[in-house]
Amino acid sequence: MKLDIIELNVKNWEAMIEWYVSNLNLKVVAREDDHKYALLAGSDGAMLGLFGVRNLLMRGSGGFIPYFRTEKLGDVVSNLKSKSVNIEDTQVQHWGEQAKVKDPEGNEFYLYEER
């Protein structure tokens, strides 16, 4: 079984699509304006679904935390910091390194590089 899509509830749907496209270079592969749903793909085929919600109690990751694998994590983190992206923490682990990031709505995700 292969994990295919992680869905994230967001309040400001249009702005969040733009944020993930411009900062993480994800591509919009499907978009349903009537339902406020967009499917964004990474270079490896994994996808992030962004679902616009009005109810503030529903916003946020709801316990789901996406992880994005990358090469040259230090370069990626430096590039995102130059765009004023909120990088909260970078940690070296026994398997590699990871950086904790928050999007403008406070949803957290990790970027990581394996050794």
PDB file of N, CA and C in Angstrom:
ATOM      1  N   MET A   1       0.848  -1.173   0.000  1.00  0.00           N
ATOM      2  CA  MET A   1       0.000   0.000   0.000  1.00  0.00           C
ATOM      3  C   MET A   1       0.894   1.237   0.000  1.00  0.00           C
ATOM      4  N   LYS A   2       0.537   2.217  -0.808  1.00  0.00           N
ATOM      5  CA  LYS A   2       1.299   3.457  -0.900  1.00  0.00           C
ATOM      6  C   LYS A   2       0.426   4.624  -0.453  1.00  0.00           C
ATOM      7  N   LEU A   3       0.946   5.422   0.472  1.00  0.00           N
ATOM      8  CA  LEU A   3       0.226   6.624   0.887  1.00  0.00           C
ATOM      9  C   LEU A   3       0.179   7.574  -0.297  1.00  0.00           C
ATOM     10  N   ASP A   4      -1.003   8.067  -0.611  1.00  0.00           N
ATOM     11  CA  ASP A   4      -1.197   8.858  -1.820  1.00  0.00           C
ATOM     12  C   ASP A   4      -1.432  10.335  -1.540  1.00  0.00           C
ATOM     13  N   ILE A   5      -2.373  10.656  -0.635  1.00  0.00           N
ATOM     14  CA  ILE A   5      -2.776  12.047  -0.406  1.00  0.00           C
ATOM     15  C   ILE A   5      -2.900  12.299   1.096  1.00  0.00           C
ATOM     16  N   ILE A   6      -2.419  13.446   1.525  1.00  0.00           N
ATOM     17  CA  ILE A   6      -2.695  13.946   2.871  1.00  0.00           C
ATOM     18  C   ILE A   6      -3.539  15.192   2.678  1.00  0.00           C
ATOM     19  N   GLU A   7      -4.668  15.249   3.372  1.00  0.00           N
ATOM     20  CA  GLU A   7      -5.574  16.380   3.227  1.00  0.00           C
ATOM     21  C   GLU A   7      -5.448  17.303   4.427  1.00  0.00           C
ATOM     22  N   LEU A   8      -5.450  18.601   4.140  1.00  0.00           N
ATOM     23  CA  LEU A   8      -5.267  19.619   5.163  1.00  0.00           C
ATOM     24  C   LEU A   8      -6.425  20.604   5.076  1.00  0.00           C
ATOM     25  N   ASN A   9      -7.117  20.836   6.186  1.00  0.00           N
ATOM     26  CA  ASN A   9      -8.173  21.841   6.239  1.00  0.00           C
ATOM     27  C   ASN A   9      -7.544  23.205   6.437  1.00  0.00           C
ATOM     28  N   VAL A  10      -7.952  24.176   5.619  1.00  0.00           N
ATOM     29  CA  VAL A  10      -7.402  25.530   5.708  1.00  0.00           C
ATOM     30  C   VAL A  10      -8.531  26.554   5.675  1.00  0.00           C
ATOM     31  N   LYS A  11      -8.296  27.695   6.285  1.00  0.00           N
ATOM     32  CA  LYS A  11      -9.307  28.750   6.327  1.00  0.00           C
ATOM     33  C   LYS A  11      -9.261  29.611   5.069  1.00  0.00           C
ATOM     34  N   ASN A  12      -8.086  30.096   4.717  1.00  0.00           N
ATOM     35  CA  ASN A  12      -7.946  30.983   3.563  1.00  0.00           C
ATOM     36  C   ASN A  12      -7.434  30.170   2.378  1.00  0.00           C
ATOM     37  N   TRP A  13      -8.341  29.478   1.721  1.00  0.00           N
ATOM     38  CA  TRP A  13      -8.039  28.477   0.704  1.00  0.00           C
ATOM     39  C   TRP A  13      -7.176  29.012  -0.434  1.00  0.00           C
ATOM     40  N   GLU A  14      -7.568  30.109  -1.039  1.00  0.00           N
ATOM     41  CA  GLU A  14      -6.808  30.677  -2.171  1.00  0.00           C
ATOM     42  C   GLU A  14      -5.377  31.020  -1.753  1.00  0.00           C
ATOM     43  N   ALA A  15      -5.245  31.694  -0.622  1.00  0.00           N
ATOM     44  CA  ALA A  15      -3.917  32.102  -0.162  1.00  0.00           C
ATOM     45  C   ALA A  15      -3.043  30.896   0.166  1.00  0.00           C
ATOM     46  N   MET A  16      -3.647  29.854   0.709  1.00  0.00           N
ATOM     47  CA  MET A  16      -2.867  28.676   1.074  1.00  0.00           C
ATOM     48  C   MET A  16      -2.415  27.898  -0.173  1.00  0.00           C
ATOM     49  N   ILE A  17      -3.233  27.866  -1.207  1.00  0.00           N
ATOM     50  CA  ILE A  17      -2.796  27.248  -2.459  1.00  0.00           C
ATOM     51  C   ILE A  17      -1.556  27.980  -2.961  1.00  0.00           C
ATOM     52  N   GLU A  18      -1.641  29.287  -3.019  1.00  0.00           N
ATOM     53  CA  GLU A  18      -0.518  30.094  -3.503  1.00  0.00           C
ATOM     54  C   GLU A  18       0.723  29.894  -2.636  1.00  0.00           C
ATOM     55  N   TRP A  19       0.535  29.827  -1.316  1.00  0.00           N
ATOM     56  CA  TRP A  19       1.665  29.661  -0.410  1.00  0.00           C
ATOM     57  C   TRP A  19       2.397  28.341  -0.666  1.00  0.00           C
ATOM     58  N   TYR A  20       1.652  27.246  -0.764  1.00  0.00           N
ATOM     59  CA  TYR A  20       2.281  25.937  -0.981  1.00  0.00           C
ATOM     60  C   TYR A  20       2.902  25.836  -2.378  1.00  0.00           C
ATOM     61  N   VAL A  21       2.289  26.450  -3.368  1.00  0.00           N
ATOM     62  CA  VAL A  21       2.851  26.444  -4.722  1.00  0.00           C
ATOM     63  C   VAL A  21       4.133  27.271  -4.771  1.00  0.00           C
ATOM     64  N   SER A  22       4.092  28.482  -4.233  1.00  0.00           N
ATOM     65  CA  SER A  22       5.254  29.371  -4.372  1.00  0.00           C
ATOM     66  C   SER A  22       6.397  29.015  -3.431  1.00  0.00           C
ATOM     67  N   ASN A  23       6.105  28.469  -2.263  1.00  0.00           N
ATOM     68  CA  ASN A  23       7.171  28.180  -1.310  1.00  0.00           C
ATOM     69  C   ASN A  23       7.703  26.755  -1.364  1.00  0.00           C
ATOM     70  N   LEU A  24       6.847  25.788  -1.693  1.00  0.00           N
ATOM     71  CA  LEU A  24       7.293  24.392  -1.731  1.00  0.00           C
ATOM     72  C   LEU A  24       7.319  23.818  -3.145  1.00  0.00           C
ATOM     73  N   ASN A  25       7.026  24.662  -4.116  1.00  0.00           N
ATOM     74  CA  ASN A  25       7.054  24.257  -5.531  1.00  0.00           C
ATOM     75  C   ASN A  25       6.117  23.091  -5.843  1.00  0.00           C
ATOM     76  N   LEU A  26       5.001  23.003  -5.119  1.00  0.00           N
ATOM     77  CA  LEU A  26       4.002  21.997  -5.454  1.00  0.00           C
ATOM     78  C   LEU A  26       3.213  22.480  -6.664  1.00  0.00           C
ATOM     79  N   LYS A  27       2.686  21.552  -7.427  1.00  0.00           N
ATOM     80  CA  LYS A  27       1.915  21.877  -8.630  1.00  0.00           C
ATOM     81  C   LYS A  27       0.441  21.548  -8.399  1.00  0.00           C
ATOM     82  N   VAL A  28      -0.443  22.443  -8.819  1.00  0.00           N
ATOM     83  CA  VAL A  28      -1.877  22.186  -8.724  1.00  0.00           C
ATOM     84  C   VAL A  28      -2.245  21.199  -9.836  1.00  0.00           C
ATOM     85  N   VAL A  29      -2.730  20.021  -9.447  1.00  0.00           N
ATOM     86  CA  VAL A  29      -3.108  19.013 -10.435  1.00  0.00           C
ATOM     87  C   VAL A  29      -4.624  18.876 -10.571  1.00  0.00           C
ATOM     88  N   ALA A  30      -5.358  19.359  -9.582  1.00  0.00           N
ATOM     89  CA  ALA A  30      -6.821  19.368  -9.658  1.00  0.00           C
ATOM     90  C   ALA A  30      -7.312  20.485  -8.749  1.00  0.00           C
ATOM     91  N   ARG A  31      -8.426  21.084  -9.174  1.00  0.00           N
ATOM     92  CA  ARG A  31      -8.969  22.198  -8.402  1.00  0.00           C
ATOM     93  C   ARG A  31     -10.471  22.229  -8.598  1.00  0.00           C
ATOM     94  N   GLU A  32     -11.214  22.289  -7.491  1.00  0.00           N
ATOM     95  CA  GLU A  32     -12.669  22.393  -7.531  1.00  0.00           C
ATOM     96  C   GLU A  32     -13.069  23.638  -6.748  1.00  0.00           C
ATOM     97  N   ASP A  33     -13.248  24.740  -7.468  1.00  0.00           N
ATOM     98  CA  ASP A  33     -13.580  26.003  -6.813  1.00  0.00           C
ATOM     99  C   ASP A  33     -14.897  25.933  -6.053  1.00  0.00           C
ATOM    100  N   ASP A  34     -15.903  25.233  -6.605  1.00  0.00           N
ATOM    101  CA  ASP A  34     -17.209  25.129  -5.938  1.00  0.00           C
ATOM    102  C   ASP A  34     -17.108  24.450  -4.572  1.00  0.00           C
ATOM    103  N   HIS A  35     -16.218  23.487  -4.443  1.00  0.00           N
ATOM    104  CA  HIS A  35     -16.062  22.738  -3.195  1.00  0.00           C
ATOM    105  C   HIS A  35     -14.861  23.213  -2.378  1.00  0.00           C
ATOM    106  N   LYS A  36     -14.140  24.201  -2.908  1.00  0.00           N
ATOM    107  CA  LYS A  36     -12.925  24.710  -2.256  1.00  0.00           C
ATOM    108  C   LYS A  36     -11.967  23.567  -1.931  1.00  0.00           C
ATOM    109  N   TYR A  37     -11.622  22.833  -2.972  1.00  0.00           N
ATOM    110  CA  TYR A  37     -10.683  21.729  -2.831  1.00  0.00           C
ATOM    111  C   TYR A  37      -9.630  21.820  -3.920  1.00  0.00           C
ATOM    112  N   ALA A  38      -8.386  21.649  -3.545  1.00  0.00           N
ATOM    113  CA  ALA A  38      -7.298  21.624  -4.521  1.00  0.00           C
ATOM    114  C   ALA A  38      -6.364  20.474  -4.174  1.00  0.00           C
ATOM    115  N   LEU A  39      -5.871  19.831  -5.197  1.00  0.00           N
ATOM    116  CA  LEU A  39      -4.921  18.745  -5.042  1.00  0.00           C
ATOM    117  C   LEU A  39      -3.588  19.207  -5.607  1.00  0.00           C
ATOM    118  N   LEU A  40      -2.559  19.205  -4.765  1.00  0.00           N
ATOM    119  CA  LEU A  40      -1.229  19.661  -5.165  1.00  0.00           C
ATOM    120  C   LEU A  40      -0.277  18.477  -5.128  1.00  0.00           C
ATOM    121  N   ALA A  41       0.594  18.391  -6.121  1.00  0.00           N
ATOM    122  CA  ALA A  41       1.517  17.267  -6.212  1.00  0.00           C
ATOM    123  C   ALA A  41       2.951  17.724  -6.051  1.00  0.00           C
ATOM    124  N   GLY A  42       3.734  16.884  -5.388  1.00  0.00           N
ATOM    125  CA  GLY A  42       5.170  17.090  -5.289  1.00  0.00           C
ATOM    126  C   GLY A  42       5.856  16.385  -6.432  1.00  0.00           C
ATOM    127  N   SER A  43       7.150  16.520  -6.516  1.00  0.00           N
ATOM    128  CA  SER A  43       7.910  15.949  -7.626  1.00  0.00           C
ATOM    129  C   SER A  43       7.927  14.426  -7.614  1.00  0.00           C
ATOM    130  N   ASP A  44       7.643  13.811  -6.460  1.00  0.00           N
ATOM    131  CA  ASP A  44       7.671  12.354  -6.377  1.00  0.00           C
ATOM    132  C   ASP A  44       6.306  11.706  -6.542  1.00  0.00           C
ATOM    133  N   GLY A  45       5.272  12.511  -6.774  1.00  0.00           N
ATOM    134  CA  GLY A  45       3.932  11.973  -6.970  1.00  0.00           C
ATOM    135  C   GLY A  45       3.045  12.019  -5.745  1.00  0.00           C
ATOM    136  N   ALA A  46       3.604  12.206  -4.556  1.00  0.00           N
ATOM    137  CA  ALA A  46       2.773  12.333  -3.367  1.00  0.00           C
ATOM    138  C   ALA A  46       1.968  13.627  -3.473  1.00  0.00           C
ATOM    139  N   MET A  47       0.782  13.630  -2.876  1.00  0.00           N
ATOM    140  CA  MET A  47      -0.097  14.786  -3.040  1.00  0.00           C
ATOM    141  C   MET A  47      -0.602  15.329  -1.714  1.00  0.00           C
ATOM    142  N   LEU A  48      -0.848  16.636  -1.720  1.00  0.00           N
ATOM    143  CA  LEU A  48      -1.421  17.340  -0.589  1.00  0.00           C
ATOM    144  C   LEU A  48      -2.759  17.905  -1.042  1.00  0.00           C
ATOM    145  N   GLY A  49      -3.829  17.543  -0.342  1.00  0.00           N
ATOM    146  CA  GLY A  49      -5.146  18.092  -0.630  1.00  0.00           C
ATOM    147  C   GLY A  49      -5.431  19.247   0.304  1.00  0.00           C
ATOM    148  N   LEU A  50      -5.824  20.391  -0.249  1.00  0.00           N
ATOM    149  CA  LEU A  50      -6.191  21.553   0.568  1.00  0.00           C
ATOM    150  C   LEU A  50      -7.692  21.751   0.471  1.00  0.00           C
ATOM    151  N   PHE A  51      -8.366  21.697   1.617  1.00  0.00           N
ATOM    152  CA  PHE A  51      -9.811  21.804   1.674  1.00  0.00           C
ATOM    153  C   PHE A  51     -10.177  23.038   2.474  1.00  0.00           C
ATOM    154  N   GLY A  52     -10.853  23.986   1.838  1.00  0.00           N
ATOM    155  CA  GLY A  52     -11.251  25.225   2.507  1.00  0.00           C
ATOM    156  C   GLY A  52     -12.438  25.003   3.423  1.00  0.00           C
ATOM    157  N   VAL A  53     -12.323  25.435   4.675  1.00  0.00           N
ATOM    158  CA  VAL A  53     -13.406  25.307   5.649  1.00  0.00           C
ATOM    159  C   VAL A  53     -13.726  26.674   6.233  1.00  0.00           C
ATOM    160  N   ARG A  54     -14.962  26.869   6.635  1.00  0.00           N
ATOM    161  CA  ARG A  54     -15.377  28.132   7.251  1.00  0.00           C
ATOM    162  C   ARG A  54     -15.334  28.057   8.768  1.00  0.00           C
ATOM    163  N   ASN A  55     -15.612  26.896   9.301  1.00  0.00           N
ATOM    164  CA  ASN A  55     -15.679  26.699  10.742  1.00  0.00           C
ATOM    165  C   ASN A  55     -14.269  26.701  11.332  1.00  0.00           C
ATOM    166  N   LEU A  56     -13.962  27.674  12.160  1.00  0.00           N
ATOM    167  CA  LEU A  56     -12.621  27.775  12.739  1.00  0.00           C
ATOM    168  C   LEU A  56     -12.253  26.547  13.558  1.00  0.00           C
ATOM    169  N   LEU A  57     -13.249  25.853  14.102  1.00  0.00           N
ATOM    170  CA  LEU A  57     -12.955  24.652  14.882  1.00  0.00           C
ATOM    171  C   LEU A  57     -12.443  23.522  13.998  1.00  0.00           C
ATOM    172  N   MET A  58     -12.745  23.592  12.699  1.00  0.00           N
ATOM    173  CA  MET A  58     -12.306  22.541  11.787  1.00  0.00           C
ATOM    174  C   MET A  58     -10.957  22.850  11.160  1.00  0.00           C
ATOM    175  N   ARG A  59     -10.474  24.078  11.305  1.00  0.00           N
ATOM    176  CA  ARG A  59      -9.244  24.420  10.597  1.00  0.00           C
ATOM    177  C   ARG A  59      -8.038  23.790  11.274  1.00  0.00           C
ATOM    178  N   GLY A  60      -6.957  23.731  10.570  1.00  0.00           N
ATOM    179  CA  GLY A  60      -5.741  23.144  11.097  1.00  0.00           C
ATOM    180  C   GLY A  60      -5.551  21.735  10.610  1.00  0.00           C
ATOM    181  N   SER A  61      -4.483  21.135  11.028  1.00  0.00           N
ATOM    182  CA  SER A  61      -4.111  19.832  10.495  1.00  0.00           C
ATOM    183  C   SER A  61      -4.901  18.698  11.106  1.00  0.00           C
ATOM    184  N   GLY A  62      -5.650  18.945  12.166  1.00  0.00           N
ATOM    185  CA  GLY A  62      -6.479  17.901  12.749  1.00  0.00           C
ATOM    186  C   GLY A  62      -5.669  16.676  13.168  1.00  0.00           C
ATOM    187  N   GLY A  63      -4.418  16.885  13.549  1.00  0.00           N
ATOM    188  CA  GLY A  63      -3.586  15.776  13.977  1.00  0.00           C
ATOM    189  C   GLY A  63      -2.728  15.201  12.873  1.00  0.00           C
ATOM    190  N   PHE A  64      -2.959  15.570  11.636  1.00  0.00           N
ATOM    191  CA  PHE A  64      -2.145  15.090  10.531  1.00  0.00           C
ATOM    192  C   PHE A  64      -0.994  16.057  10.297  1.00  0.00           C
ATOM    193  N   ILE A  65       0.202  15.520  10.194  1.00  0.00           N
ATOM    194  CA  ILE A  65       1.374  16.347   9.950  1.00  0.00           C
ATOM    195  C   ILE A  65       2.085  15.815   8.711  1.00  0.00           C
ATOM    196  N   PRO A  66       2.057  16.557   7.615  1.00  0.00           N
ATOM    197  CA  PRO A  66       2.750  16.108   6.399  1.00  0.00           C
ATOM    198  C   PRO A  66       4.266  16.189   6.546  1.00  0.00           C
ATOM    199  N   TYR A  67       4.943  15.252   5.922  1.00  0.00           N
ATOM    200  CA  TYR A  67       6.408  15.257   5.836  1.00  0.00           C
ATOM    201  C   TYR A  67       6.788  15.305   4.369  1.00  0.00           C
ATOM    202  N   PHE A  68       7.694  16.212   4.032  1.00  0.00           N
ATOM    203  CA  PHE A  68       8.187  16.360   2.665  1.00  0.00           C
ATOM    204  C   PHE A  68       9.670  15.985   2.642  1.00  0.00           C
ATOM    205  N   ARG A  69      10.010  14.955   1.870  1.00  0.00           N
ATOM    206  CA  ARG A  69      11.415  14.567   1.731  1.00  0.00           C
ATOM    207  C   ARG A  69      12.089  15.495   0.732  1.00  0.00           C
ATOM    208  N   THR A  70      13.314  15.894   1.035  1.00  0.00           N
ATOM    209  CA  THR A  70      14.033  16.807   0.163  1.00  0.00           C
ATOM    210  C   THR A  70      15.515  16.457   0.137  1.00  0.00           C
ATOM    211  N   GLU A  71      16.186  16.940  -0.857  1.00  0.00           N
ATOM    212  CA  GLU A  71      17.642  16.850  -0.923  1.00  0.00           C
ATOM    213  C   GLU A  71      18.192  18.193  -0.443  1.00  0.00           C
ATOM    214  N   LYS A  72      19.353  18.194   0.152  1.00  0.00           N
ATOM    215  CA  LYS A  72      20.018  19.428   0.582  1.00  0.00           C
ATOM    216  C   LYS A  72      19.110  20.283   1.467  1.00  0.00           C
ATOM    217  N   LEU A  73      18.700  19.717   2.570  1.00  0.00           N
ATOM    218  CA  LEU A  73      17.774  20.385   3.487  1.00  0.00           C
ATOM    219  C   LEU A  73      18.252  21.773   3.876  1.00  0.00           C
ATOM    220  N   GLY A  74      19.541  21.925   4.148  1.00  0.00           N
ATOM    221  CA  GLY A  74      20.060  23.234   4.541  1.00  0.00           C
ATOM    222  C   GLY A  74      19.792  24.299   3.505  1.00  0.00           C
ATOM    223  N   ASP A  75      19.956  23.955   2.228  1.00  0.00           N
ATOM    224  CA  ASP A  75      19.688  24.915   1.155  1.00  0.00           C
ATOM    225  C   ASP A  75      18.203  25.249   1.073  1.00  0.00           C
ATOM    226  N   VAL A  76      17.359  24.235   1.241  1.00  0.00           N
ATOM    227  CA  VAL A  76      15.908  24.452   1.194  1.00  0.00           C
ATOM    228  C   VAL A  76      15.477  25.361   2.342  1.00  0.00           C
ATOM    229  N   VAL A  77      15.987  25.091   3.546  1.00  0.00           N
ATOM    230  CA  VAL A  77      15.639  25.908   4.717  1.00  0.00           C
ATOM    231  C   VAL A  77      16.109  27.345   4.516  1.00  0.00           C
ATOM    232  N   SER A  78      17.327  27.533   4.017  1.00  0.00           N
ATOM    233  CA  SER A  78      17.835  28.886   3.770  1.00  0.00           C
ATOM    234  C   SER A  78      16.963  29.633   2.774  1.00  0.00           C
ATOM    235  N   ASN A  79      16.561  28.945   1.709  1.00  0.00           N
ATOM    236  CA  ASN A  79      15.691  29.553   0.700  1.00  0.00           C
ATOM    237  C   ASN A  79      14.350  29.961   1.308  1.00  0.00           C
ATOM    238  N   LEU A  80      13.745  29.099   2.113  1.00  0.00           N
ATOM    239  CA  LEU A  80      12.456  29.419   2.730  1.00  0.00           C
ATOM    240  C   LEU A  80      12.592  30.558   3.733  1.00  0.00           C
ATOM    241  N   LYS A  81      13.675  30.578   4.507  1.00  0.00           N
ATOM    242  CA  LYS A  81      13.885  31.678   5.454  1.00  0.00           C
ATOM    243  C   LYS A  81      14.018  33.004   4.719  1.00  0.00           C
ATOM    244  N   SER A  82      14.627  32.983   3.537  1.00  0.00           N
ATOM    245  CA  SER A  82      14.765  34.223   2.760  1.00  0.00           C
ATOM    246  C   SER A  82      13.406  34.733   2.287  1.00  0.00           C
ATOM    247  N   LYS A  83      12.401  33.846   2.270  1.00  0.00           N
ATOM    248  CA  LYS A  83      11.029  34.221   1.907  1.00  0.00           C
ATOM    249  C   LYS A  83      10.185  34.483   3.146  1.00  0.00           C
ATOM    250  N   SER A  84      10.827  34.555   4.309  1.00  0.00           N
ATOM    251  CA  SER A  84      10.163  34.787   5.602  1.00  0.00           C
ATOM    252  C   SER A  84       9.212  33.670   6.003  1.00  0.00           C
ATOM    253  N   VAL A  85       9.493  32.451   5.556  1.00  0.00           N
ATOM    254  CA  VAL A  85       8.707  31.292   5.975  1.00  0.00           C
ATOM    255  C   VAL A  85       9.098  30.942   7.408  1.00  0.00           C
ATOM    256  N   ASN A  86       8.113  30.584   8.226  1.00  0.00           N
ATOM    257  CA  ASN A  86       8.310  30.284   9.635  1.00  0.00           C
ATOM    258  C   ASN A  86       8.936  28.893   9.815  1.00  0.00           C
ATOM    259  N   ILE A  87      10.266  28.859   9.994  1.00  0.00           N
ATOM    260  CA  ILE A  87      10.983  27.624  10.302  1.00  0.00           C
ATOM    261  C   ILE A  87      11.168  27.626  11.811  1.00  0.00           C
ATOM    262  N   GLU A  88      10.468  26.737  12.503  1.00  0.00           N
ATOM    263  CA  GLU A  88      10.499  26.758  13.964  1.00  0.00           C
ATOM    264  C   GLU A  88      11.685  26.028  14.556  1.00  0.00           C
ATOM    265  N   ASP A  89      12.133  24.973  13.897  1.00  0.00           N
ATOM    266  CA  ASP A  89      13.096  24.101  14.551  1.00  0.00           C
ATOM    267  C   ASP A  89      13.782  23.237  13.499  1.00  0.00           C
ATOM    268  N   THR A  90      15.064  23.006  13.658  1.00  0.00           N
ATOM    269  CA  THR A  90      15.789  22.047  12.832  1.00  0.00           C
ATOM    270  C   THR A  90      16.497  21.085  13.779  1.00  0.00           C
ATOM    271  N   GLN A  91      16.333  19.791  13.518  1.00  0.00           N
ATOM    272  CA  GLN A  91      16.912  18.789  14.404  1.00  0.00           C
ATOM    273  C   GLN A  91      17.690  17.754  13.607  1.00  0.00           C
ATOM    274  N   VAL A  92      18.824  17.341  14.163  1.00  0.00           N
ATOM    275  CA  VAL A  92      19.585  16.233  13.599  1.00  0.00           C
ATOM    276  C   VAL A  92      19.107  14.971  14.312  1.00  0.00           C
ATOM    277  N   GLN A  93      18.720  13.982  13.535  1.00  0.00           N
ATOM    278  CA  GLN A  93      18.260  12.694  14.056  1.00  0.00           C
ATOM    279  C   GLN A  93      19.259  11.613  13.648  1.00  0.00           C
ATOM    280  N   HIS A  94      19.117  10.430  14.175  1.00  0.00           N
ATOM    281  CA  HIS A  94      20.017   9.342  13.804  1.00  0.00           C
ATOM    282  C   HIS A  94      19.866   8.948  12.335  1.00  0.00           C
ATOM    283  N   TRP A  95      18.745   9.231  11.724  1.00  0.00           N
ATOM    284  CA  TRP A  95      18.461   8.855  10.335  1.00  0.00           C
ATOM    285  C   TRP A  95      18.694   9.993   9.349  1.00  0.00           C
ATOM    286  N   GLY A  96      18.887  11.214   9.874  1.00  0.00           N
ATOM    287  CA  GLY A  96      19.053  12.375   8.998  1.00  0.00           C
ATOM    288  C   GLY A  96      18.758  13.661   9.743  1.00  0.00           C
ATOM    289  N   GLU A  97      18.142  14.599   9.045  1.00  0.00           N
ATOM    290  CA  GLU A  97      17.848  15.908   9.628  1.00  0.00           C
ATOM    291  C   GLU A  97      16.450  16.335   9.211  1.00  0.00           C
ATOM    292  N   GLN A  98      15.775  17.085  10.093  1.00  0.00           N
ATOM    293  CA  GLN A  98      14.436  17.573   9.781  1.00  0.00           C
ATOM    294  C   GLN A  98      14.272  19.005  10.249  1.00  0.00           C
ATOM    295  N   ALA A  99      13.374  19.705   9.574  1.00  0.00           N
ATOM    296  CA  ALA A  99      13.044  21.081   9.937  1.00  0.00           C
ATOM    297  C   ALA A  99      11.536  21.185  10.111  1.00  0.00           C
ATOM    298  N   LYS A 100      11.107  21.747  11.234  1.00  0.00           N
ATOM    299  CA  LYS A 100       9.691  21.966  11.509  1.00  0.00           C
ATOM    300  C   LYS A 100       9.293  23.323  10.942  1.00  0.00           C
ATOM    301  N   VAL A 101       8.237  23.330  10.147  1.00  0.00           N
ATOM    302  CA  VAL A 101       7.786  24.538   9.460  1.00  0.00           C
ATOM    303  C   VAL A 101       6.305  24.751   9.790  1.00  0.00           C
ATOM    304  N   LYS A 102       5.889  26.016   9.832  1.00  0.00           N
ATOM    305  CA  LYS A 102       4.459  26.333   9.974  1.00  0.00           C
ATOM    306  C   LYS A 102       4.036  27.216   8.815  1.00  0.00           C
ATOM    307  N   ASP A 103       2.875  26.875   8.242  1.00  0.00           N
ATOM    308  CA  ASP A 103       2.336  27.714   7.177  1.00  0.00           C
ATOM    309  C   ASP A 103       1.640  28.919   7.811  1.00  0.00           C
ATOM    310  N   PRO A 104       1.137  29.868   7.015  1.00  0.00           N
ATOM    311  CA  PRO A 104       0.537  31.079   7.590  1.00  0.00           C
ATOM    312  C   PRO A 104      -0.679  30.841   8.484  1.00  0.00           C
ATOM    313  N   GLU A 105      -1.334  29.677   8.382  1.00  0.00           N
ATOM    314  CA  GLU A 105      -2.480  29.391   9.248  1.00  0.00           C
ATOM    315  C   GLU A 105      -2.092  28.579  10.478  1.00  0.00           C
ATOM    316  N   GLY A 106      -0.798  28.311  10.639  1.00  0.00           N
ATOM    317  CA  GLY A 106      -0.333  27.585  11.809  1.00  0.00           C
ATOM    318  C   GLY A 106      -0.273  26.077  11.645  1.00  0.00           C
ATOM    319  N   ASN A 107      -0.591  25.564  10.449  1.00  0.00           N
ATOM    320  CA  ASN A 107      -0.468  24.126  10.208  1.00  0.00           C
ATOM    321  C   ASN A 107       1.016  23.783  10.149  1.00  0.00           C
ATOM    322  N   GLU A 108       1.416  22.771  10.888  1.00  0.00           N
ATOM    323  CA  GLU A 108       2.821  22.418  10.878  1.00  0.00           C
ATOM    324  C   GLU A 108       3.086  21.254   9.940  1.00  0.00           C
ATOM    325  N   PHE A 109       4.301  21.261   9.401  1.00  0.00           N
ATOM    326  CA  PHE A 109       4.775  20.146   8.600  1.00  0.00           C
ATOM    327  C   PHE A 109       6.280  20.082   8.730  1.00  0.00           C
ATOM    328  N   TYR A 110       6.843  18.997   8.267  1.00  0.00           N
ATOM    329  CA  TYR A 110       8.290  18.820   8.359  1.00  0.00           C
ATOM    330  C   TYR A 110       8.898  18.636   6.979  1.00  0.00           C
ATOM    331  N   LEU A 111      10.089  19.172   6.816  1.00  0.00           N
ATOM    332  CA  LEU A 111      10.938  18.899   5.679  1.00  0.00           C
ATOM    333  C   LEU A 111      12.043  18.011   6.222  1.00  0.00           C
ATOM    334  N   TYR A 112      12.441  16.991   5.467  1.00  0.00           N
ATOM    335  CA  TYR A 112      13.503  16.147   5.989  1.00  0.00           C
ATOM    336  C   TYR A 112      14.419  15.648   4.878  1.00  0.00           C
ATOM    337  N   GLU A 113      15.629  15.313   5.321  1.00  0.00           N
ATOM    338  CA  GLU A 113      16.631  14.730   4.435  1.00  0.00           C
ATOM    339  C   GLU A 113      17.205  13.511   5.140  1.00  0.00           C
ATOM    340  N   GLU A 114      17.170  12.381   4.474  1.00  0.00           N
ATOM    341  CA  GLU A 114      17.767  11.165   5.034  1.00  0.00           C
ATOM    342  C   GLU A 114      19.246  11.118   4.726  1.00  0.00           C
ATOM    343  N   ARG A 115      19.991  10.453   5.578  1.00  0.00           N
ATOM    344  CA  ARG A 115      21.427  10.260   5.324  1.00  0.00           C
ATOM    345  C   ARG A 115      21.622   9.066   4.448  1.00  0.00           C
TER     346      ARG A 115
END
